[in-house]
Amino acid sequence: MPKKRKIRNPWCIYRHGTPTGVGKIVEINGKTSVSILYSEGQHYSPDCWDIRSIQRFATITAAIKKFGKYSGCTMEELKSVMMLYFPSKAKEIVKIKE
């Protein structure tokens, strides 16, 4: 079995024209696509996205800050939702300033 490589810049904003959400890249599928997890408790397989439809970030906080510029909600609302989706990152998320 091949050794799993660490993914650089694993956090992303995915988009269909305008940014749709924040997720975590869990697999790189060649040079053209990635598999994205929408939440830690996701009960279905990660979705495959074209690499041209995402913007990558080193941290979840950077991804949330950028996505906050496009979303129609306040940063506090966005932080609350992202803490539900990625509870293991709640300590980082709660520190985000508007």
N, C-alpha and C. Protein backbone atom coordinates (compact mmCIF):
# COMPACT_ATOMS: atom_id res chain seq x y z
N MET A 1 0.84 -1.17 0.00
CA MET A 1 0.00 0.00 0.00
C MET A 1 0.89 1.24 0.00
N PRO A 2 0.60 2.23 -0.87
CA PRO A 2 1.43 3.43 -0.94
C PRO A 2 1.33 4.25 0.35
N LYS A 3 2.43 4.90 0.69
CA LYS A 3 2.48 5.74 1.86
C LYS A 3 1.67 7.02 1.59
N LYS A 4 0.81 7.40 2.54
CA LYS A 4 0.02 8.60 2.38
C LYS A 4 0.87 9.83 2.66
N ARG A 5 0.86 10.77 1.73
CA ARG A 5 1.62 12.01 1.88
C ARG A 5 0.77 13.06 2.59
N LYS A 6 1.46 13.92 3.36
CA LYS A 6 0.78 15.03 4.00
C LYS A 6 0.39 16.04 2.92
N ILE A 7 -0.80 16.58 3.02
CA ILE A 7 -1.29 17.53 2.03
C ILE A 7 -0.92 18.94 2.48
N ARG A 8 -0.18 19.63 1.63
CA ARG A 8 0.15 21.03 1.91
C ARG A 8 -1.07 21.90 1.61
N ASN A 9 -1.30 22.89 2.44
CA ASN A 9 -2.45 23.79 2.29
C ASN A 9 -3.75 22.99 2.15
N PRO A 10 -4.13 22.24 3.20
CA PRO A 10 -5.28 21.34 3.10
C PRO A 10 -6.65 21.99 3.22
N TRP A 11 -6.72 23.25 3.61
CA TRP A 11 -8.01 23.92 3.75
C TRP A 11 -8.33 24.69 2.48
N CYS A 12 -9.61 24.79 2.16
CA CYS A 12 -9.96 25.43 0.89
C CYS A 12 -11.32 26.08 0.93
N ILE A 13 -11.50 26.97 -0.01
CA ILE A 13 -12.82 27.49 -0.37
C ILE A 13 -13.15 26.83 -1.70
N TYR A 14 -14.32 26.21 -1.78
CA TYR A 14 -14.75 25.63 -3.05
C TYR A 14 -15.84 26.52 -3.63
N ARG A 15 -15.95 26.48 -4.96
CA ARG A 15 -16.85 27.44 -5.61
C ARG A 15 -17.50 26.87 -6.87
N HIS A 16 -18.70 27.37 -7.10
CA HIS A 16 -19.41 27.22 -8.37
C HIS A 16 -19.66 28.65 -8.83
N GLY A 17 -18.67 29.28 -9.43
CA GLY A 17 -18.76 30.70 -9.77
C GLY A 17 -18.39 31.54 -8.58
N THR A 18 -19.31 31.68 -7.62
CA THR A 18 -19.00 32.40 -6.38
C THR A 18 -18.67 31.37 -5.30
N PRO A 19 -17.89 31.76 -4.29
CA PRO A 19 -17.52 30.81 -3.23
C PRO A 19 -18.75 30.19 -2.57
N THR A 20 -18.69 28.87 -2.39
CA THR A 20 -19.81 28.10 -1.86
C THR A 20 -19.61 27.70 -0.41
N GLY A 21 -18.36 27.38 -0.02
CA GLY A 21 -18.11 26.94 1.35
C GLY A 21 -16.64 26.69 1.63
N VAL A 22 -16.38 26.28 2.88
CA VAL A 22 -15.03 25.96 3.34
C VAL A 22 -14.97 24.47 3.60
N GLY A 23 -13.88 23.83 3.18
CA GLY A 23 -13.72 22.40 3.42
C GLY A 23 -12.26 22.03 3.60
N LYS A 24 -12.04 20.74 3.83
CA LYS A 24 -10.69 20.22 4.02
C LYS A 24 -10.38 19.22 2.91
N ILE A 25 -9.25 19.44 2.25
CA ILE A 25 -8.80 18.53 1.20
C ILE A 25 -8.23 17.28 1.89
N VAL A 26 -8.79 16.13 1.55
CA VAL A 26 -8.32 14.89 2.16
C VAL A 26 -7.57 13.99 1.19
N GLU A 27 -7.65 14.32 -0.10
CA GLU A 27 -6.95 13.52 -1.10
C GLU A 27 -6.73 14.35 -2.36
N ILE A 28 -5.55 14.19 -2.94
CA ILE A 28 -5.26 14.82 -4.22
C ILE A 28 -5.34 13.73 -5.28
N ASN A 29 -6.20 13.92 -6.26
CA ASN A 29 -6.45 12.92 -7.30
C ASN A 29 -5.72 13.32 -8.57
N GLY A 30 -4.45 13.01 -8.65
CA GLY A 30 -3.67 13.40 -9.81
C GLY A 30 -3.42 14.90 -9.81
N LYS A 31 -3.41 15.49 -11.00
CA LYS A 31 -3.12 16.92 -11.12
C LYS A 31 -4.36 17.76 -11.38
N THR A 32 -5.52 17.12 -11.49
CA THR A 32 -6.70 17.88 -11.90
C THR A 32 -7.82 17.97 -10.88
N SER A 33 -7.81 17.15 -9.83
CA SER A 33 -8.92 17.20 -8.88
C SER A 33 -8.47 16.85 -7.46
N VAL A 34 -9.33 17.22 -6.51
CA VAL A 34 -9.11 16.93 -5.10
C VAL A 34 -10.41 16.41 -4.50
N SER A 35 -10.30 15.69 -3.40
CA SER A 35 -11.48 15.24 -2.65
C SER A 35 -11.60 16.11 -1.41
N ILE A 36 -12.79 16.66 -1.20
CA ILE A 36 -13.01 17.62 -0.12
C ILE A 36 -14.02 17.08 0.89
N LEU A 37 -13.67 17.23 2.16
CA LEU A 37 -14.54 16.87 3.27
C LEU A 37 -15.22 18.15 3.74
N TYR A 38 -16.54 18.13 3.86
CA TYR A 38 -17.29 19.31 4.26
C TYR A 38 -17.42 19.45 5.77
N SER A 39 -17.27 18.34 6.48
CA SER A 39 -17.32 18.36 7.94
C SER A 39 -16.66 17.11 8.48
N GLU A 40 -16.23 17.17 9.75
CA GLU A 40 -15.57 16.02 10.36
C GLU A 40 -16.51 14.83 10.53
N GLY A 41 -17.77 15.08 10.74
CA GLY A 41 -18.73 14.01 10.96
C GLY A 41 -19.46 13.57 9.70
N GLN A 42 -18.93 13.90 8.56
CA GLN A 42 -19.56 13.60 7.28
C GLN A 42 -19.77 12.10 7.12
N HIS A 43 -20.99 11.69 6.80
CA HIS A 43 -21.33 10.27 6.70
C HIS A 43 -21.31 9.73 5.27
N TYR A 44 -20.77 10.48 4.37
CA TYR A 44 -20.65 10.04 2.98
C TYR A 44 -19.25 10.37 2.49
N SER A 45 -18.88 9.82 1.37
CA SER A 45 -17.53 10.01 0.84
C SER A 45 -17.27 11.47 0.50
N PRO A 46 -16.00 11.91 0.64
CA PRO A 46 -15.67 13.28 0.23
C PRO A 46 -15.99 13.50 -1.24
N ASP A 47 -16.40 14.71 -1.57
CA ASP A 47 -16.73 15.05 -2.96
C ASP A 47 -15.47 15.41 -3.74
N CYS A 48 -15.50 15.06 -5.01
CA CYS A 48 -14.39 15.36 -5.92
C CYS A 48 -14.64 16.72 -6.55
N TRP A 49 -13.61 17.59 -6.51
CA TRP A 49 -13.70 18.93 -7.08
C TRP A 49 -12.55 19.16 -8.04
N ASP A 50 -12.84 19.87 -9.12
CA ASP A 50 -11.80 20.30 -10.05
C ASP A 50 -10.88 21.27 -9.33
N ILE A 51 -9.60 21.09 -9.49
CA ILE A 51 -8.61 21.92 -8.79
C ILE A 51 -8.75 23.40 -9.15
N ARG A 52 -9.33 23.69 -10.31
CA ARG A 52 -9.53 25.09 -10.73
C ARG A 52 -10.69 25.75 -9.99
N SER A 53 -11.50 24.95 -9.29
CA SER A 53 -12.68 25.48 -8.59
C SER A 53 -12.45 25.69 -7.10
N ILE A 54 -11.19 25.60 -6.67
CA ILE A 54 -10.90 25.79 -5.25
C ILE A 54 -9.78 26.82 -5.07
N GLN A 55 -9.75 27.38 -3.88
CA GLN A 55 -8.65 28.24 -3.47
C GLN A 55 -8.12 27.64 -2.17
N ARG A 56 -6.82 27.35 -2.12
CA ARG A 56 -6.24 26.63 -1.00
C ARG A 56 -5.61 27.55 0.05
N PHE A 57 -5.62 27.06 1.31
CA PHE A 57 -5.08 27.80 2.45
C PHE A 57 -4.36 26.84 3.39
N ALA A 58 -3.40 27.36 4.13
CA ALA A 58 -2.64 26.55 5.08
C ALA A 58 -3.45 26.26 6.35
N THR A 59 -4.34 27.18 6.73
CA THR A 59 -5.11 27.01 7.96
C THR A 59 -6.60 27.20 7.72
N ILE A 60 -7.38 26.63 8.61
CA ILE A 60 -8.83 26.82 8.52
C ILE A 60 -9.20 28.27 8.78
N THR A 61 -8.45 28.94 9.65
CA THR A 61 -8.76 30.34 9.95
C THR A 61 -8.58 31.23 8.73
N ALA A 62 -7.54 31.00 7.95
CA ALA A 62 -7.32 31.78 6.73
C ALA A 62 -8.45 31.55 5.73
N ALA A 63 -8.88 30.30 5.61
CA ALA A 63 -9.98 29.98 4.69
C ALA A 63 -11.28 30.65 5.14
N ILE A 64 -11.55 30.61 6.43
CA ILE A 64 -12.79 31.21 6.95
C ILE A 64 -12.76 32.73 6.76
N LYS A 65 -11.64 33.36 7.05
CA LYS A 65 -11.54 34.82 6.87
C LYS A 65 -11.81 35.22 5.41
N LYS A 66 -11.23 34.50 4.49
CA LYS A 66 -11.43 34.80 3.07
C LYS A 66 -12.88 34.54 2.66
N PHE A 67 -13.42 33.40 3.08
CA PHE A 67 -14.80 33.07 2.75
C PHE A 67 -15.77 34.09 3.35
N GLY A 68 -15.44 34.62 4.51
CA GLY A 68 -16.28 35.61 5.17
C GLY A 68 -16.51 36.86 4.33
N LYS A 69 -15.57 37.17 3.45
CA LYS A 69 -15.72 38.33 2.57
C LYS A 69 -16.80 38.11 1.51
N TYR A 70 -17.09 36.85 1.21
CA TYR A 70 -18.06 36.52 0.16
C TYR A 70 -19.40 36.05 0.69
N SER A 71 -19.42 35.52 1.90
CA SER A 71 -20.65 34.94 2.42
C SER A 71 -21.65 36.03 2.80
N GLY A 72 -22.87 35.67 2.89
CA GLY A 72 -23.90 36.64 3.25
C GLY A 72 -24.19 36.68 4.74
N CYS A 73 -23.30 36.10 5.56
CA CYS A 73 -23.53 36.08 6.99
C CYS A 73 -22.42 36.81 7.73
N THR A 74 -22.66 37.07 9.00
CA THR A 74 -21.64 37.74 9.80
C THR A 74 -20.52 36.75 10.13
N MET A 75 -19.39 37.27 10.55
CA MET A 75 -18.27 36.40 10.92
C MET A 75 -18.65 35.53 12.12
N GLU A 76 -19.42 36.06 13.04
CA GLU A 76 -19.84 35.28 14.21
C GLU A 76 -20.72 34.10 13.79
N GLU A 77 -21.63 34.33 12.84
CA GLU A 77 -22.47 33.24 12.33
C GLU A 77 -21.62 32.19 11.62
N LEU A 78 -20.70 32.65 10.81
CA LEU A 78 -19.83 31.74 10.08
C LEU A 78 -18.96 30.92 11.03
N LYS A 79 -18.42 31.57 12.05
CA LYS A 79 -17.61 30.86 13.03
C LYS A 79 -18.43 29.79 13.74
N SER A 80 -19.66 30.11 14.11
CA SER A 80 -20.53 29.14 14.80
C SER A 80 -20.77 27.90 13.93
N VAL A 81 -21.05 28.13 12.67
CA VAL A 81 -21.29 27.01 11.75
C VAL A 81 -20.03 26.17 11.57
N MET A 82 -18.89 26.83 11.37
CA MET A 82 -17.64 26.10 11.13
C MET A 82 -17.20 25.32 12.37
N MET A 83 -17.52 25.81 13.57
CA MET A 83 -17.20 25.05 14.79
C MET A 83 -18.06 23.79 14.88
N LEU A 84 -19.27 23.85 14.34
CA LEU A 84 -20.11 22.64 14.30
C LEU A 84 -19.56 21.64 13.28
N TYR A 85 -19.11 22.14 12.14
CA TYR A 85 -18.59 21.27 11.09
C TYR A 85 -17.22 20.69 11.42
N PHE A 86 -16.36 21.48 12.06
CA PHE A 86 -15.00 21.04 12.39
C PHE A 86 -14.72 21.32 13.87
N PRO A 87 -15.36 20.55 14.77
CA PRO A 87 -15.21 20.81 16.20
C PRO A 87 -13.78 20.68 16.72
N SER A 88 -12.95 19.89 16.09
CA SER A 88 -11.57 19.76 16.55
C SER A 88 -10.78 21.05 16.33
N LYS A 89 -11.29 21.95 15.51
CA LYS A 89 -10.63 23.22 15.21
C LYS A 89 -11.30 24.40 15.93
N ALA A 90 -12.22 24.12 16.84
CA ALA A 90 -12.99 25.17 17.51
C ALA A 90 -12.10 26.19 18.22
N LYS A 91 -11.03 25.74 18.87
CA LYS A 91 -10.15 26.68 19.59
C LYS A 91 -9.49 27.67 18.63
N GLU A 92 -9.17 27.23 17.43
CA GLU A 92 -8.60 28.13 16.42
C GLU A 92 -9.67 29.07 15.86
N ILE A 93 -10.84 28.50 15.58
CA ILE A 93 -11.91 29.26 14.95
C ILE A 93 -12.41 30.38 15.85
N VAL A 94 -12.57 30.10 17.13
CA VAL A 94 -13.11 31.09 18.06
C VAL A 94 -12.24 32.32 18.17
N LYS A 95 -10.96 32.21 17.86
CA LYS A 95 -10.01 33.33 17.95
C LYS A 95 -10.05 34.27 16.74
N ILE A 96 -10.79 33.92 15.71
CA ILE A 96 -10.85 34.75 14.51
C ILE A 96 -11.51 36.08 14.84
N LYS A 97 -10.87 37.14 14.42
CA LYS A 97 -11.41 38.49 14.59
C LYS A 97 -12.09 38.91 13.28
N GLU A 98 -13.11 39.76 13.40
CA GLU A 98 -13.80 40.24 12.20
C GLU A 98 -12.94 41.21 11.44
